[in-house]
Each structure stands twice: as structure tokens, then as C-alpha cells.
Amino acid sequence: MSDIKPRILHLPRAEWTDDAREVFAFWGEPNAWEEGSKTNVMMVMANHPDLGKAYNIWGKHLLMSNTLSTRYLELVILRVAWRVKSAYEWHNHVGYGLNAGLTLDEIAAIRDYPEGGDWNEQDAIVLRSVDELIDDGTLSDATWETLGKYFDKRQKMDLVFSIGHYVMTSWALSAFGVDIEGGADRIGFDLKTASGKVPGKTYKPGETEDWTDSRGY
């Protein structure tokens, strides 16, 4: 169970304008235009369609068109989720991380960094970048130089913006009181599920034909 109290509720059906429907149908979820999204964050963002539409376009680039590999993006998002204590982002991206080839042991080590894990230099500098930006608001010259050994200019730009985007998203989810969807098998920071089952892969929008089914709601 969760003690999160919603501060912004799902947009009431009576207020489902075409602009609002564009927000919650943006990701191609089946029947979302007619029935609304099953994803809590989309139904909350539909309260502010202009913001929601801009947020979706921006977020789609970072989630789906990022110049970083999916693995490195999930390293970033999971580390952000832990640092800012976003239960929503952690829950969703454990499944995405598993689908990107991370193991549960590696995901636990992302949480426990720098003590956890046996990271190579490239992995470690990505995790360090998250911590430096959250702690210091910038990257040190040494970190920037090390990033340059592995990532080109566009990748470094996407890395910094990805960190900032997921911090911002986590803040919004927390401030608005957006909880994990009902029916989902909630994954805690300890990587235990509400059901006791081992967490499994989940899929991003459009990644498989039945991508919504993997989420359990």
C-alpha cells in the first residue's frame, strides 16, 4: 500500500477536450483517445494540455531518440530515481532496465553506488555525472574529460539533459502526488515486489505490440 495523497487528480472525463486527449493518447496506448490513459502521469498532465503536449514531445526524444544507448539511459534514470527518492520512476525503470540488459544485481549496485558494483570506468562516470549534477549543479572538469573518452558531443548533451529531465519529472510526480498505477506489482527500492515475485522486464511504448500488457494495469 502507498501513503501518497494525490494533489492533482486525473482530469475528469467532462473536461476531456481534444487537446487533453492528445496528451494521454500521445504514446500510442490502445484506446487512450477514447478511454483515457492507464498511466497516472498522463492523466494528471492532461490537466494542463499545453504543458502536457510540450512535455511529451521533449520526453519522447529523451526516452526514445536519445543518442545514449538504452543501457546508459537506464543507468541515469535509475540513479536519479534513487537519489531523489522517486518511487514511481524507480518502479517503472527497473523493468526497462532489465529489458536493456541490466541485471537485478546491477540495479541494486546503481542504488548503492559508489560502494556497490564492479563498474568499469565508462559506467562509473555516468553514475558519477548524475551525482555531481544533483550535488553540485555542474560537472567537474575531470568528469567532463573522462566522459569525452567514451561519448561524443551530442551524447554528452543528451546525458546532461536526461539527468535534468528525470530529476524534474521526479519532482513533479512527488509534488503532484502521482502514485504507481493500481494493478501494478509495486517494486520497492529494495527490489522486492508487492507480490513477492522477482521483477521482470517491461517495455517502452511501441517496443512490442503488447507493450502495455507487461505493466500489469
Foldseek 3Di string as FASTA:
>chain_A
DDPQDFQAAFDDPVPLDQLLLCLQCVLPDPCCSPVNHLAGVSRRLSVPSVVSVVLVVVVCCLQPVAPDQLLLLLLLLLLLCLVLVQQQSNQQSVQSNVVSPDDPQVSLQSNVPPVGDDDDLQSNLLSVQLVCCVVPVDDDPVSVVSNVVPDDPRNVVSSVVSSVSSNVVSVCCRVRRGDHGPQFQRQGSVQATVVRDRDHHADGRPPDPPRVVSRRD
